[in-house]
PDB file of all heavy atoms in Angstrom:
ATOM      1  N   ASP A   1       0.843  -1.194   0.000  1.00  0.00           N
ATOM      2  CA  ASP A   1       0.000   0.000   0.000  1.00  0.00           C
ATOM      3  C   ASP A   1       0.880   1.246   0.000  1.00  0.00           C
ATOM      4  O   ASP A   1       2.046   1.202   0.413  1.00  0.00           O
ATOM      5  CB  ASP A   1      -0.933   0.014   1.212  1.00  0.00           C
ATOM      6  CG  ASP A   1      -0.169   0.121   2.518  1.00  0.00           C
ATOM      7  OD1 ASP A   1       0.216  -0.925   3.057  1.00  0.00           O
ATOM      8  OD2 ASP A   1       0.054   1.254   2.978  1.00  0.00           O
ATOM      9  N   PRO A   2       0.367   2.384  -0.500  1.00  0.00           N
ATOM     10  CA  PRO A   2       1.205   3.585  -0.673  1.00  0.00           C
ATOM     11  C   PRO A   2       1.873   4.076   0.601  1.00  0.00           C
ATOM     12  O   PRO A   2       3.020   4.511   0.567  1.00  0.00           O
ATOM     13  CB  PRO A   2       0.208   4.620  -1.212  1.00  0.00           C
ATOM     14  CG  PRO A   2      -0.840   3.804  -1.901  1.00  0.00           C
ATOM     15  CD  PRO A   2      -0.979   2.555  -1.079  1.00  0.00           C
ATOM     16  N   LEU A   3       1.185   4.010   1.751  1.00  0.00           N
ATOM     17  CA  LEU A   3       1.788   4.482   2.991  1.00  0.00           C
ATOM     18  C   LEU A   3       3.015   3.645   3.346  1.00  0.00           C
ATOM     19  O   LEU A   3       4.072   4.182   3.693  1.00  0.00           O
ATOM     20  CB  LEU A   3       0.775   4.435   4.136  1.00  0.00           C
ATOM     21  CG  LEU A   3       1.316   4.865   5.516  1.00  0.00           C
ATOM     22  CD1 LEU A   3       1.787   6.312   5.479  1.00  0.00           C
ATOM     23  CD2 LEU A   3       0.258   4.672   6.594  1.00  0.00           C
ATOM     24  N   ASN A   4       2.887   2.325   3.236  1.00  0.00           N
ATOM     25  CA  ASN A   4       4.022   1.472   3.540  1.00  0.00           C
ATOM     26  C   ASN A   4       5.135   1.617   2.515  1.00  0.00           C
ATOM     27  O   ASN A   4       6.316   1.469   2.844  1.00  0.00           O
ATOM     28  CB  ASN A   4       3.576   0.010   3.628  1.00  0.00           C
ATOM     29  CG  ASN A   4       2.779  -0.271   4.890  1.00  0.00           C
ATOM     30  OD1 ASN A   4       2.971   0.374   5.911  1.00  0.00           O
ATOM     31  ND2 ASN A   4       1.872  -1.223   4.823  1.00  0.00           N
ATOM     32  N   HIS A   5       4.793   1.884   1.270  1.00  0.00           N
ATOM     33  CA  HIS A   5       5.824   2.142   0.267  1.00  0.00           C
ATOM     34  C   HIS A   5       6.695   3.308   0.683  1.00  0.00           C
ATOM     35  O   HIS A   5       7.920   3.301   0.480  1.00  0.00           O
ATOM     36  CB  HIS A   5       5.176   2.441  -1.084  1.00  0.00           C
ATOM     37  CG  HIS A   5       4.825   1.219  -1.850  1.00  0.00           C
ATOM     38  ND1 HIS A   5       4.340   1.261  -3.134  1.00  0.00           N
ATOM     39  CD2 HIS A   5       4.898  -0.102  -1.529  1.00  0.00           C
ATOM     40  CE1 HIS A   5       4.127   0.026  -3.571  1.00  0.00           C
ATOM     41  NE2 HIS A   5       4.452  -0.808  -2.613  1.00  0.00           N
ATOM     42  N   ASP A   6       6.092   4.308   1.280  1.00  0.00           N
ATOM     43  CA  ASP A   6       6.843   5.490   1.701  1.00  0.00           C
ATOM     44  C   ASP A   6       7.619   5.228   2.989  1.00  0.00           C
ATOM     45  O   ASP A   6       8.800   5.551   3.092  1.00  0.00           O
ATOM     46  CB  ASP A   6       5.883   6.666   1.887  1.00  0.00           C
ATOM     47  CG  ASP A   6       6.591   7.908   2.391  1.00  0.00           C
ATOM     48  OD1 ASP A   6       7.699   8.191   1.906  1.00  0.00           O
ATOM     49  OD2 ASP A   6       6.060   8.580   3.282  1.00  0.00           O
ATOM     50  N   LEU A   7       6.966   4.636   3.986  1.00  0.00           N
ATOM     51  CA  LEU A   7       7.595   4.495   5.294  1.00  0.00           C
ATOM     52  C   LEU A   7       8.609   3.354   5.343  1.00  0.00           C
ATOM     53  O   LEU A   7       9.520   3.376   6.180  1.00  0.00           O
ATOM     54  CB  LEU A   7       6.528   4.270   6.361  1.00  0.00           C
ATOM     55  CG  LEU A   7       5.593   5.444   6.645  1.00  0.00           C
ATOM     56  CD1 LEU A   7       4.561   5.076   7.694  1.00  0.00           C
ATOM     57  CD2 LEU A   7       6.374   6.668   7.096  1.00  0.00           C
ATOM     58  N   MET A   8       8.442   2.351   4.490  1.00  0.00           N
ATOM     59  CA  MET A   8       9.351   1.202   4.527  1.00  0.00           C
ATOM     60  C   MET A   8       9.921   0.934   3.129  1.00  0.00           C
ATOM     61  O   MET A   8       9.557  -0.040   2.459  1.00  0.00           O
ATOM     62  CB  MET A   8       8.630  -0.021   5.076  1.00  0.00           C
ATOM     63  CG  MET A   8       8.247   0.139   6.529  1.00  0.00           C
ATOM     64  SD  MET A   8       7.623  -1.378   7.298  1.00  0.00           S
ATOM     65  CE  MET A   8       6.032  -1.524   6.496  1.00  0.00           C
ATOM     66  N   PRO A   9      10.845   1.791   2.683  1.00  0.00           N
ATOM     67  CA  PRO A   9      11.371   1.666   1.320  1.00  0.00           C
ATOM     68  C   PRO A   9      12.599   0.762   1.200  1.00  0.00           C
ATOM     69  O   PRO A   9      13.342   0.865   0.245  1.00  0.00           O
ATOM     70  CB  PRO A   9      11.740   3.122   0.995  1.00  0.00           C
ATOM     71  CG  PRO A   9      12.189   3.683   2.304  1.00  0.00           C
ATOM     72  CD  PRO A   9      11.304   3.021   3.352  1.00  0.00           C
ATOM     73  N   TYR A  10      12.809  -0.146   2.182  1.00  0.00           N
ATOM     74  CA  TYR A  10      14.067  -0.884   2.215  1.00  0.00           C
ATOM     75  C   TYR A  10      14.264  -1.823   1.028  1.00  0.00           C
ATOM     76  O   TYR A  10      15.386  -2.210   0.724  1.00  0.00           O
ATOM     77  CB  TYR A  10      14.228  -1.657   3.525  1.00  0.00           C
ATOM     78  CG  TYR A  10      13.067  -2.532   3.929  1.00  0.00           C
ATOM     79  CD1 TYR A  10      12.884  -3.795   3.381  1.00  0.00           C
ATOM     80  CD2 TYR A  10      12.164  -2.100   4.892  1.00  0.00           C
ATOM     81  CE1 TYR A  10      11.832  -4.599   3.768  1.00  0.00           C
ATOM     82  CE2 TYR A  10      11.111  -2.905   5.298  1.00  0.00           C
ATOM     83  CZ  TYR A  10      10.941  -4.152   4.727  1.00  0.00           C
ATOM     84  OH  TYR A  10       9.894  -4.948   5.120  1.00  0.00           O
ATOM     85  N   ASP A  11      13.207  -2.253   0.341  1.00  0.00           N
ATOM     86  CA  ASP A  11      13.398  -3.079  -0.855  1.00  0.00           C
ATOM     87  C   ASP A  11      12.759  -2.419  -2.077  1.00  0.00           C
ATOM     88  O   ASP A  11      12.285  -3.080  -2.990  1.00  0.00           O
ATOM     89  CB  ASP A  11      12.844  -4.490  -0.644  1.00  0.00           C
ATOM     90  CG  ASP A  11      11.344  -4.520  -0.337  1.00  0.00           C
ATOM     91  OD1 ASP A  11      10.767  -3.453  -0.031  1.00  0.00           O
ATOM     92  OD2 ASP A  11      10.749  -5.610  -0.398  1.00  0.00           O
ATOM     93  N   ARG A  12      12.807  -1.083  -2.094  1.00  0.00           N
ATOM     94  CA  ARG A  12      12.239  -0.319  -3.220  1.00  0.00           C
ATOM     95  C   ARG A  12      13.104  -0.443  -4.463  1.00  0.00           C
ATOM     96  O   ARG A  12      12.602  -0.532  -5.586  1.00  0.00           O
ATOM     97  CB  ARG A  12      12.114   1.155  -2.809  1.00  0.00           C
ATOM     98  CG  ARG A  12      11.645   2.076  -3.914  1.00  0.00           C
ATOM     99  CD  ARG A  12      11.530   3.494  -3.404  1.00  0.00           C
ATOM    100  NE  ARG A  12      12.793   3.981  -2.857  1.00  0.00           N
ATOM    101  CZ  ARG A  12      12.946   5.154  -2.259  1.00  0.00           C
ATOM    102  NH1 ARG A  12      11.892   5.950  -2.104  1.00  0.00           N
ATOM    103  NH2 ARG A  12      14.109   5.538  -1.804  1.00  0.00           N
ATOM    104  N   VAL A  13      14.424  -0.420  -4.287  1.00  0.00           N
ATOM    105  CA  VAL A  13      15.375  -0.557  -5.398  1.00  0.00           C
ATOM    106  C   VAL A  13      16.496  -1.482  -4.948  1.00  0.00           C
ATOM    107  O   VAL A  13      16.610  -1.836  -3.769  1.00  0.00           O
ATOM    108  CB  VAL A  13      15.970   0.807  -5.828  1.00  0.00           C
ATOM    109  CG1 VAL A  13      14.897   1.742  -6.359  1.00  0.00           C
ATOM    110  CG2 VAL A  13      16.740   1.455  -4.682  1.00  0.00           C
ATOM    111  N   PHE A  14      17.344  -1.885  -5.874  1.00  0.00           N
ATOM    112  CA  PHE A  14      18.549  -2.608  -5.490  1.00  0.00           C
ATOM    113  C   PHE A  14      19.407  -1.721  -4.593  1.00  0.00           C
ATOM    114  O   PHE A  14      19.520  -0.515  -4.812  1.00  0.00           O
ATOM    115  CB  PHE A  14      19.355  -2.998  -6.730  1.00  0.00           C
ATOM    116  CG  PHE A  14      18.728  -4.071  -7.557  1.00  0.00           C
ATOM    117  CD1 PHE A  14      18.185  -3.779  -8.796  1.00  0.00           C
ATOM    118  CD2 PHE A  14      18.684  -5.377  -7.110  1.00  0.00           C
ATOM    119  CE1 PHE A  14      17.605  -4.772  -9.570  1.00  0.00           C
ATOM    120  CE2 PHE A  14      18.114  -6.385  -7.877  1.00  0.00           C
ATOM    121  CZ  PHE A  14      17.570  -6.089  -9.106  1.00  0.00           C
ATOM    122  N   GLU A  15      20.014  -2.330  -3.577  1.00  0.00           N
ATOM    123  CA  GLU A  15      20.865  -1.595  -2.635  1.00  0.00           C
ATOM    124  C   GLU A  15      22.255  -2.240  -2.623  1.00  0.00           C
ATOM    125  O   GLU A  15      22.579  -3.050  -1.765  1.00  0.00           O
ATOM    126  CB  GLU A  15      20.248  -1.602  -1.231  1.00  0.00           C
ATOM    127  CG  GLU A  15      18.892  -0.916  -1.133  1.00  0.00           C
ATOM    128  CD  GLU A  15      18.974   0.608  -1.176  1.00  0.00           C
ATOM    129  OE1 GLU A  15      20.072   1.130  -1.425  1.00  0.00           O
ATOM    130  OE2 GLU A  15      17.940   1.259  -0.952  1.00  0.00           O
ATOM    131  N   PRO A  16      23.114  -1.903  -3.596  1.00  0.00           N
ATOM    132  CA  PRO A  16      24.405  -2.580  -3.712  1.00  0.00           C
ATOM    133  C   PRO A  16      25.391  -2.150  -2.628  1.00  0.00           C
ATOM    134  O   PRO A  16      25.286  -1.077  -2.034  1.00  0.00           O
ATOM    135  CB  PRO A  16      24.927  -2.131  -5.089  1.00  0.00           C
ATOM    136  CG  PRO A  16      23.774  -1.446  -5.759  1.00  0.00           C
ATOM    137  CD  PRO A  16      22.889  -0.944  -4.676  1.00  0.00           C
ATOM    138  N   ILE A  17      26.357  -3.032  -2.392  1.00  0.00           N
ATOM    139  CA  ILE A  17      27.564  -2.689  -1.643  1.00  0.00           C
ATOM    140  C   ILE A  17      28.755  -3.098  -2.499  1.00  0.00           C
ATOM    141  O   ILE A  17      28.600  -3.859  -3.465  1.00  0.00           O
ATOM    142  CB  ILE A  17      27.628  -3.385  -0.268  1.00  0.00           C
ATOM    143  CG1 ILE A  17      27.699  -4.904  -0.441  1.00  0.00           C
ATOM    144  CG2 ILE A  17      26.436  -2.982   0.591  1.00  0.00           C
ATOM    145  CD1 ILE A  17      28.086  -5.664   0.801  1.00  0.00           C
ATOM    146  N   VAL A  18      29.949  -2.609  -2.160  1.00  0.00           N
ATOM    147  CA  VAL A  18      31.144  -2.912  -2.953  1.00  0.00           C
ATOM    148  C   VAL A  18      32.296  -3.262  -2.030  1.00  0.00           C
ATOM    149  O   VAL A  18      32.581  -2.546  -1.061  1.00  0.00           O
ATOM    150  CB  VAL A  18      31.540  -1.716  -3.847  1.00  0.00           C
ATOM    151  CG1 VAL A  18      32.859  -1.997  -4.569  1.00  0.00           C
ATOM    152  CG2 VAL A  18      30.446  -1.414  -4.870  1.00  0.00           C
ATOM    153  N   LEU A  19      32.956  -4.390  -2.326  1.00  0.00           N
ATOM    154  CA  LEU A  19      34.219  -4.783  -1.715  1.00  0.00           C
ATOM    155  C   LEU A  19      35.210  -5.031  -2.832  1.00  0.00           C
ATOM    156  O   LEU A  19      35.009  -5.941  -3.651  1.00  0.00           O
ATOM    157  CB  LEU A  19      34.076  -6.066  -0.889  1.00  0.00           C
ATOM    158  CG  LEU A  19      33.456  -6.013   0.504  1.00  0.00           C
ATOM    159  CD1 LEU A  19      33.454  -7.411   1.109  1.00  0.00           C
ATOM    160  CD2 LEU A  19      34.196  -5.050   1.405  1.00  0.00           C
ATOM    161  N   GLY A  20      36.267  -4.223  -2.914  1.00  0.00           N
ATOM    162  CA  GLY A  20      37.257  -4.405  -3.966  1.00  0.00           C
ATOM    163  C   GLY A  20      36.632  -4.282  -5.344  1.00  0.00           C
ATOM    164  O   GLY A  20      35.924  -3.315  -5.637  1.00  0.00           O
ATOM    165  N   ASN A  21      36.845  -5.275  -6.183  1.00  0.00           N
ATOM    166  CA  ASN A  21      36.329  -5.248  -7.548  1.00  0.00           C
ATOM    167  C   ASN A  21      34.969  -5.925  -7.684  1.00  0.00           C
ATOM    168  O   ASN A  21      34.534  -6.188  -8.803  1.00  0.00           O
ATOM    169  CB  ASN A  21      37.323  -5.930  -8.500  1.00  0.00           C
ATOM    170  CG  ASN A  21      38.588  -5.115  -8.670  1.00  0.00           C
ATOM    171  OD1 ASN A  21      38.553  -3.887  -8.651  1.00  0.00           O
ATOM    172  ND2 ASN A  21      39.712  -5.798  -8.837  1.00  0.00           N
ATOM    173  N   ARG A  22      34.303  -6.198  -6.562  1.00  0.00           N
ATOM    174  CA  ARG A  22      33.021  -6.889  -6.618  1.00  0.00           C
ATOM    175  C   ARG A  22      31.906  -6.061  -5.996  1.00  0.00           C
ATOM    176  O   ARG A  22      32.085  -5.459  -4.947  1.00  0.00           O
ATOM    177  CB  ARG A  22      33.112  -8.242  -5.908  1.00  0.00           C
ATOM    178  CG  ARG A  22      33.943  -9.277  -6.650  1.00  0.00           C
ATOM    179  CD  ARG A  22      34.022 -10.585  -5.869  1.00  0.00           C
ATOM    180  NE  ARG A  22      34.688 -11.628  -6.641  1.00  0.00           N
ATOM    181  CZ  ARG A  22      36.003 -11.803  -6.699  1.00  0.00           C
ATOM    182  NH1 ARG A  22      36.792 -10.982  -6.014  1.00  0.00           N
ATOM    183  NH2 ARG A  22      36.525 -12.769  -7.422  1.00  0.00           N
ATOM    184  N   MET A  23      30.782  -6.064  -6.676  1.00  0.00           N
ATOM    185  CA  MET A  23      29.560  -5.452  -6.170  1.00  0.00           C
ATOM    186  C   MET A  23      28.590  -6.571  -5.807  1.00  0.00           C
ATOM    187  O   MET A  23      28.512  -7.576  -6.514  1.00  0.00           O
ATOM    188  CB  MET A  23      28.931  -4.543  -7.232  1.00  0.00           C
ATOM    189  CG  MET A  23      27.619  -3.900  -6.831  1.00  0.00           C
ATOM    190  SD  MET A  23      26.804  -3.099  -8.241  1.00  0.00           S
ATOM    191  CE  MET A  23      28.088  -1.986  -8.782  1.00  0.00           C
ATOM    192  N   PHE A  24      27.836  -6.385  -4.720  1.00  0.00           N
ATOM    193  CA  PHE A  24      26.906  -7.409  -4.254  1.00  0.00           C
ATOM    194  C   PHE A  24      25.511  -6.811  -4.132  1.00  0.00           C
ATOM    195  O   PHE A  24      25.335  -5.765  -3.510  1.00  0.00           O
ATOM    196  CB  PHE A  24      27.365  -7.973  -2.909  1.00  0.00           C
ATOM    197  CG  PHE A  24      28.795  -8.449  -2.928  1.00  0.00           C
ATOM    198  CD1 PHE A  24      29.822  -7.602  -2.519  1.00  0.00           C
ATOM    199  CD2 PHE A  24      29.117  -9.715  -3.379  1.00  0.00           C
ATOM    200  CE1 PHE A  24      31.145  -8.024  -2.550  1.00  0.00           C
ATOM    201  CE2 PHE A  24      30.435 -10.152  -3.414  1.00  0.00           C
ATOM    202  CZ  PHE A  24      31.451  -9.299  -2.996  1.00  0.00           C
TER     203      PHE A  24
END
């Protein structure tokens, strides 16, 4: 629902991290 989309966006887009030459 729209309210939860706003308040809990933790899986709205990919959230990469990087170690050295690798992205996860």
